[in-house]
Amino acid sequence: MPQLLNNYYDTTYEEIVNYVPDYYTEVKEMQAVYKAEGDLLDDIKDGIEKVFGDCFIDSADEATIAKLEQFLNIHMHGERSLDDRRRLVKSYYVGAGKMSASLLSDMIGTYTGAKSQCRFEPCDIQGNNALYIDTERGAETSLYASDIMALVRAKLPAHIAYQLNVVYENECTVQNEIVFGYPMIANCGILNCGQGVNDL
């Protein structure tokens, strides 16, 4: 994130010295005053940058993200990186407003960084429909299905049955060996991880 206050000097002290008359540069007392005022202004500048950065989820610090998690009633199990926590908080804000399939897809896409699709299809012989959510793994280094489930659970009405399917590709190397006279066959490709809190 670019700096809000950029004065083209490494320190405010250097900027102050640049603007005062040259004969003050030889006076040690004035140099001490300039140094003290420069340090004070540097602290103020850093504080302004911090407040400005905390106004945006992508650059908020850990304390601000913790307050947002408490406000949004987000409870996480286990350790998460700050970037993972920011993505989850951001996805809750994307889902504000009237719930729809496109809004749900946008929410999940904000967290996973990949496309997702939502569809209603019959789930039993009585003709009851359920919501099926298919999302890709995305390029994020970590992905927690429990976070996606909590996000969906917080936004969907309780009477809607749903199932979440996370589809991802996994690269692997396969060696064919003969074990007890039978060749080993390994299959690599697309894996499907399906989860749902409601029985379909």
Protein backbone atom coordinates (compact mmCIF):
# COMPACT_ATOMS: atom_id res chain seq x y z
CA MET A 1 0.00 0.00 0.00
CA PRO A 2 1.51 3.39 -0.95
CA GLN A 3 2.30 5.84 1.81
CA LEU A 4 -0.24 8.55 2.46
CA LEU A 5 2.35 11.10 3.62
CA ASN A 6 5.45 11.13 1.44
CA ASN A 7 7.81 14.03 2.09
CA TYR A 8 10.70 12.72 -0.09
CA TYR A 9 13.06 12.69 2.92
CA ASP A 10 14.11 9.72 5.03
CA THR A 11 13.31 11.60 8.23
CA THR A 12 11.45 14.77 9.09
CA TYR A 13 14.64 16.04 10.74
CA GLU A 14 16.33 16.14 7.31
CA GLU A 15 13.41 18.10 5.90
CA ILE A 16 13.49 20.63 8.75
CA VAL A 17 17.27 21.17 8.36
CA ASN A 18 16.77 21.69 4.63
CA TYR A 19 14.41 24.63 5.20
CA VAL A 20 16.16 26.55 8.01
CA PRO A 21 18.93 29.13 7.46
CA ASP A 22 22.42 27.68 7.12
CA TYR A 23 23.88 29.52 10.10
CA TYR A 24 21.60 27.49 12.44
CA THR A 25 23.25 24.24 11.33
CA GLU A 26 26.35 25.11 13.38
CA VAL A 27 24.40 25.68 16.62
CA LYS A 28 24.19 22.42 18.59
CA GLU A 29 21.21 23.55 20.63
CA MET A 30 19.19 24.22 17.44
CA GLN A 31 20.24 20.83 16.04
CA ALA A 32 18.91 19.16 19.22
CA VAL A 33 15.61 21.06 18.88
CA TYR A 34 15.32 20.06 15.21
CA LYS A 35 16.08 16.43 16.06
CA ALA A 36 13.47 16.33 18.85
CA GLU A 37 10.81 18.00 16.67
CA GLY A 38 11.69 15.73 13.74
CA ASP A 39 11.29 12.59 15.89
CA LEU A 40 7.95 13.86 17.19
CA LEU A 41 6.68 14.57 13.68
CA ASP A 42 7.90 11.16 12.47
CA ASP A 43 5.86 9.50 15.23
CA ILE A 44 2.79 11.55 14.25
CA LYS A 45 3.29 10.59 10.59
CA ASP A 46 3.58 6.89 11.50
CA GLY A 47 0.38 7.16 13.57
CA ILE A 48 -1.49 8.75 10.67
CA GLU A 49 -0.27 6.02 8.30
CA LYS A 50 -1.41 3.34 10.76
CA VAL A 51 -4.88 4.85 11.17
CA PHE A 52 -5.19 5.20 7.39
CA GLY A 53 -4.06 1.59 6.83
CA ASP A 54 -6.53 0.28 9.43
CA CYS A 55 -9.41 1.81 7.44
CA PHE A 56 -8.95 -0.89 4.77
CA ILE A 57 -9.24 -4.62 5.43
CA ASP A 58 -6.34 -5.52 3.12
CA SER A 59 -3.89 -3.40 5.13
CA ALA A 60 -5.42 -3.56 8.63
CA ASP A 61 -3.22 -4.73 11.47
CA GLU A 62 -3.92 -7.71 13.71
CA ALA A 63 -5.64 -5.68 16.45
CA THR A 64 -8.09 -4.15 13.96
CA ILE A 65 -8.84 -7.53 12.36
CA ALA A 66 -9.48 -9.01 15.84
CA LYS A 67 -12.02 -6.25 16.55
CA LEU A 68 -13.74 -6.88 13.21
CA GLU A 69 -13.88 -10.62 13.91
CA GLN A 70 -15.49 -9.92 17.26
CA PHE A 71 -17.97 -7.50 15.65
CA LEU A 72 -18.88 -10.01 12.91
CA ASN A 73 -19.04 -12.89 15.45
CA ILE A 74 -16.38 -14.90 13.62
CA HIS A 75 -15.07 -17.79 15.69
CA MET A 76 -12.10 -19.66 14.27
CA HIS A 77 -10.56 -22.90 15.44
CA GLY A 78 -6.80 -23.17 15.14
CA GLU A 79 -4.19 -20.72 14.01
CA ARG A 80 -4.73 -18.57 10.93
CA SER A 81 -2.33 -16.21 9.23
CA LEU A 82 -3.20 -12.52 9.18
CA ASP A 83 -3.85 -12.72 5.41
CA ASP A 84 -6.30 -15.62 5.91
CA ARG A 85 -8.13 -13.67 8.59
CA ARG A 86 -8.30 -10.58 6.36
CA ARG A 87 -9.77 -12.62 3.48
CA LEU A 88 -12.42 -14.11 5.77
CA VAL A 89 -13.44 -10.72 7.21
CA LYS A 90 -13.56 -9.25 3.70
CA SER A 91 -15.84 -12.05 2.50
CA TYR A 92 -18.34 -11.27 5.28
CA TYR A 93 -18.59 -7.67 4.09
CA VAL A 94 -19.04 -8.73 0.45
CA GLY A 95 -22.12 -10.69 1.53
CA ALA A 96 -24.07 -7.70 2.83
CA GLY A 97 -27.56 -7.18 1.43
CA LYS A 98 -30.27 -9.48 0.06
CA MET A 99 -28.98 -13.02 -0.35
CA SER A 100 -28.76 -14.35 -3.90
CA ALA A 101 -26.73 -16.96 -5.77
CA SER A 102 -24.46 -14.32 -7.31
CA LEU A 103 -23.88 -12.66 -3.93
CA LEU A 104 -23.06 -16.02 -2.35
CA SER A 105 -20.65 -16.77 -5.20
CA ASP A 106 -18.97 -13.40 -4.72
CA MET A 107 -18.60 -14.00 -0.98
CA ILE A 108 -16.98 -17.39 -1.43
CA GLY A 109 -14.88 -16.11 -4.33
CA THR A 110 -13.52 -13.33 -2.13
CA TYR A 111 -12.27 -15.92 0.34
CA THR A 112 -11.04 -18.60 -2.07
CA GLY A 113 -9.83 -16.32 -4.85
CA ALA A 114 -11.55 -18.58 -7.39
CA LYS A 115 -14.89 -18.91 -9.15
CA SER A 116 -17.82 -20.64 -7.54
CA GLN A 117 -21.25 -21.68 -8.75
CA CYS A 118 -24.51 -22.09 -6.85
CA ARG A 119 -27.48 -24.11 -8.07
CA PHE A 120 -30.77 -25.45 -6.71
CA GLU A 121 -31.44 -29.08 -7.55
CA PRO A 122 -33.74 -31.79 -6.19
CA CYS A 123 -32.12 -33.70 -3.36
CA ASP A 124 -34.67 -36.42 -2.58
CA ILE A 125 -37.50 -38.39 -4.15
CA GLN A 126 -40.11 -36.00 -2.70
CA GLY A 127 -38.80 -33.24 -4.96
CA ASN A 128 -37.29 -31.05 -2.24
CA ASN A 129 -34.54 -28.79 -3.48
CA ALA A 130 -31.15 -28.14 -1.94
CA LEU A 131 -28.47 -25.58 -2.65
CA TYR A 132 -25.30 -27.02 -4.15
CA ILE A 133 -22.22 -24.80 -3.98
CA ASP A 134 -19.27 -25.73 -6.17
CA THR A 135 -16.08 -23.77 -5.71
CA GLU A 136 -12.54 -24.19 -6.93
CA ARG A 137 -9.45 -24.32 -4.76
CA GLY A 138 -7.93 -21.06 -6.09
CA ALA A 139 -4.34 -19.91 -5.80
CA GLU A 140 -4.41 -19.11 -2.08
CA THR A 141 -1.74 -20.85 -0.03
CA SER A 142 -4.23 -21.95 2.62
CA LEU A 143 -7.93 -22.68 2.46
CA TYR A 144 -10.13 -23.76 5.36
CA ALA A 145 -13.42 -25.43 4.45
CA SER A 146 -14.67 -24.74 7.99
CA ASP A 147 -14.34 -21.00 7.34
CA ILE A 148 -16.38 -21.30 4.14
CA MET A 149 -19.01 -23.36 5.96
CA ALA A 150 -19.25 -20.77 8.75
CA LEU A 151 -19.59 -18.02 6.15
CA VAL A 152 -22.39 -19.86 4.32
CA ARG A 153 -24.10 -20.82 7.59
CA ALA A 154 -24.14 -17.19 8.73
CA LYS A 155 -25.73 -15.94 5.51
CA LEU A 156 -28.22 -18.64 4.48
CA PRO A 157 -31.62 -19.09 6.12
CA ALA A 158 -31.79 -22.15 8.37
CA HIS A 159 -34.45 -23.92 6.29
CA ILE A 160 -32.25 -24.17 3.16
CA ALA A 161 -30.30 -27.42 2.90
CA TYR A 162 -26.94 -27.02 1.21
CA GLN A 163 -23.79 -28.87 0.28
CA LEU A 164 -20.36 -27.37 -0.34
CA ASN A 165 -18.01 -29.00 -2.86
CA VAL A 166 -14.43 -27.78 -3.09
CA VAL A 167 -12.79 -28.97 -6.31
CA TYR A 168 -9.04 -28.77 -6.71
CA GLU A 169 -6.26 -30.26 -8.80
CA ASN A 170 -3.36 -32.03 -7.18
CA GLU A 171 -0.13 -32.79 -8.98
CA CYS A 172 1.58 -36.08 -8.19
CA THR A 173 4.15 -38.44 -9.58
CA VAL A 174 3.24 -42.05 -10.15
CA GLN A 175 5.59 -45.00 -10.50
CA ASN A 176 4.27 -48.32 -11.69
CA GLU A 177 5.58 -51.27 -9.73
CA ILE A 178 4.48 -54.85 -9.62
CA VAL A 179 3.44 -55.95 -6.14
CA PHE A 180 2.67 -59.62 -5.61
CA GLY A 181 2.33 -60.08 -9.33
CA TYR A 182 -0.29 -57.32 -9.77
CA PRO A 183 0.51 -53.91 -11.30
CA MET A 184 -0.21 -50.89 -9.09
CA ILE A 185 -2.49 -48.31 -10.69
CA ALA A 186 -2.59 -44.76 -9.35
CA ASN A 187 -4.99 -42.12 -10.51
CA CYS A 188 -4.05 -38.43 -10.37
CA GLY A 189 -6.29 -35.59 -11.39
CA ILE A 190 -9.19 -33.65 -10.01
CA LEU A 191 -10.16 -34.37 -6.44
CA ASN A 192 -13.54 -33.44 -5.03
CA CYS A 193 -13.93 -32.61 -1.35
CA GLY A 194 -17.62 -32.41 -0.49
CA GLN A 195 -18.91 -31.05 2.81
CA GLY A 196 -22.32 -30.12 4.12
CA VAL A 197 -23.84 -29.54 7.51
CA ASN A 198 -27.31 -30.52 6.41
CA ASP A 199 -28.10 -34.07 5.40
CA LEU A 200 -29.27 -34.07 1.80
